[in-house]
Amino acid sequence: MFMKKLTAIVMAVFLLYSGYVFGTVSAANEIYTTRTVTVYSGDTMWDIASRWAEDDEDVRAVIYRICEANGLQNTDLQPGQKIMVPVRVHAGEGVMLAEAANGNL
């Protein structure tokens, strides 16, 4: 009787854990494309990231992606500088991007 309960508990924990792991992994598969943005006088990294952040997105996450994409160590920008802004691609847009990249559009 004890072994059946122990087996049931182990299985329940395993199923809960595997659902969490697979749910986390699938949520992390976001696709991004880049847009080139020219920095103008008075622009800040926060301003630029805010323009490209989605409603449900933390602007700090966008700033992080911008810094990563451009190899920046800080958020200092200079007028005239061109930076790449990673922009999240949604389901239908991803198909169109792939088609365009393959010359099918």
Protein backbone atom coordinates (compact mmCIF):
# COMPACT_ATOMS: atom_id res chain seq x y z
CA MET A 1 0.00 0.00 0.00
CA PHE A 2 2.84 2.36 0.89
CA MET A 3 4.56 1.71 -2.47
CA LYS A 4 1.38 2.54 -4.41
CA LYS A 5 1.03 5.88 -2.63
CA LEU A 6 4.71 6.65 -3.08
CA THR A 7 4.52 5.76 -6.77
CA ALA A 8 1.42 7.94 -7.21
CA ILE A 9 3.12 10.90 -5.51
CA VAL A 10 6.29 10.51 -7.58
CA MET A 11 4.25 10.33 -10.78
CA ALA A 12 2.20 13.40 -9.82
CA VAL A 13 5.35 15.41 -9.07
CA PHE A 14 6.93 14.27 -12.34
CA LEU A 15 3.86 15.24 -14.37
CA LEU A 16 3.63 18.66 -12.71
CA TYR A 17 7.34 19.30 -13.22
CA SER A 18 7.37 18.15 -16.85
CA GLY A 19 4.37 20.35 -17.62
CA TYR A 20 6.14 23.32 -16.08
CA VAL A 21 9.36 22.67 -18.01
CA PHE A 22 7.65 22.12 -21.36
CA GLY A 23 5.43 25.17 -20.81
CA THR A 24 8.47 27.29 -20.01
CA VAL A 25 10.42 26.07 -23.02
CA SER A 26 7.59 26.65 -25.47
CA ALA A 27 7.03 30.18 -24.16
CA ALA A 28 10.69 31.03 -24.73
CA ASN A 29 10.56 30.34 -28.48
CA GLU A 30 9.93 33.90 -29.58
CA ILE A 31 11.04 35.06 -33.00
CA TYR A 32 12.52 38.50 -33.59
CA THR A 33 13.33 40.54 -36.63
CA THR A 34 15.40 43.72 -36.51
CA ARG A 35 14.64 47.27 -37.48
CA THR A 36 17.40 49.82 -37.99
CA VAL A 37 16.74 53.05 -36.11
CA THR A 38 18.66 56.32 -36.40
CA VAL A 39 19.23 58.11 -33.09
CA TYR A 40 18.24 61.79 -33.08
CA SER A 41 19.28 64.52 -30.69
CA GLY A 42 17.46 64.08 -27.39
CA ASP A 43 16.63 60.40 -27.96
CA THR A 44 17.26 58.07 -25.06
CA MET A 45 17.42 54.31 -25.05
CA TRP A 46 14.22 54.31 -22.99
CA ASP A 47 12.44 56.45 -25.63
CA ILE A 48 13.46 54.16 -28.47
CA ALA A 49 12.68 50.96 -26.57
CA SER A 50 9.29 52.37 -25.52
CA ARG A 51 8.35 52.95 -29.16
CA TRP A 52 9.02 49.30 -30.00
CA ALA A 53 7.79 47.62 -26.81
CA GLU A 54 4.46 45.84 -27.00
CA ASP A 55 1.67 46.60 -24.54
CA ASP A 56 2.43 43.53 -22.40
CA GLU A 57 6.21 43.97 -22.57
CA ASP A 58 8.59 45.48 -20.03
CA VAL A 59 10.60 48.28 -21.67
CA ARG A 60 13.69 47.08 -19.78
CA ALA A 61 13.52 43.78 -21.69
CA VAL A 62 13.52 45.69 -24.98
CA ILE A 63 16.49 47.78 -23.81
CA TYR A 64 18.34 44.57 -22.95
CA ARG A 65 17.68 43.12 -26.43
CA ILE A 66 18.82 46.36 -28.09
CA CYS A 67 22.07 46.37 -26.09
CA GLU A 68 22.66 42.67 -26.89
CA ALA A 69 21.95 43.11 -30.61
CA ASN A 70 24.34 46.06 -30.88
CA GLY A 71 27.07 44.90 -28.50
CA LEU A 72 26.50 47.92 -26.27
CA GLN A 73 27.95 47.99 -22.75
CA ASN A 74 25.64 50.84 -21.67
CA THR A 75 22.63 52.79 -22.89
CA ASP A 76 24.50 55.92 -24.01
CA LEU A 77 23.50 56.97 -27.52
CA GLN A 78 24.88 59.57 -29.94
CA PRO A 79 22.85 61.53 -32.52
CA GLY A 80 23.31 59.95 -35.94
CA GLN A 81 24.08 56.54 -34.48
CA LYS A 82 22.24 53.66 -36.14
CA ILE A 83 21.09 50.84 -33.88
CA MET A 84 19.31 47.57 -34.53
CA VAL A 85 16.09 47.09 -32.58
CA PRO A 86 14.91 43.47 -32.21
CA VAL A 87 11.14 43.43 -32.74
CA ARG A 88 8.92 40.49 -31.80
CA VAL A 89 7.37 38.69 -34.78
CA HIS A 90 3.86 37.33 -34.40
CA ALA A 91 2.62 34.01 -35.83
CA GLY A 92 1.35 35.23 -39.22
CA GLU A 93 4.24 37.65 -39.69
CA GLY A 94 6.79 34.85 -39.26
CA VAL A 95 5.40 33.00 -42.26
CA MET A 96 5.57 36.15 -44.38
CA LEU A 97 9.16 36.84 -43.30
CA ALA A 98 10.20 33.31 -44.19
CA GLU A 99 8.51 33.57 -47.57
CA ALA A 100 10.16 36.94 -48.26
CA ALA A 101 13.58 35.57 -47.27
CA ASN A 102 13.09 32.70 -49.72
CA GLY A 103 12.00 35.07 -52.49
CA ASN A 104 8.48 33.67 -52.58
CA LEU A 105 6.59 36.94 -52.17
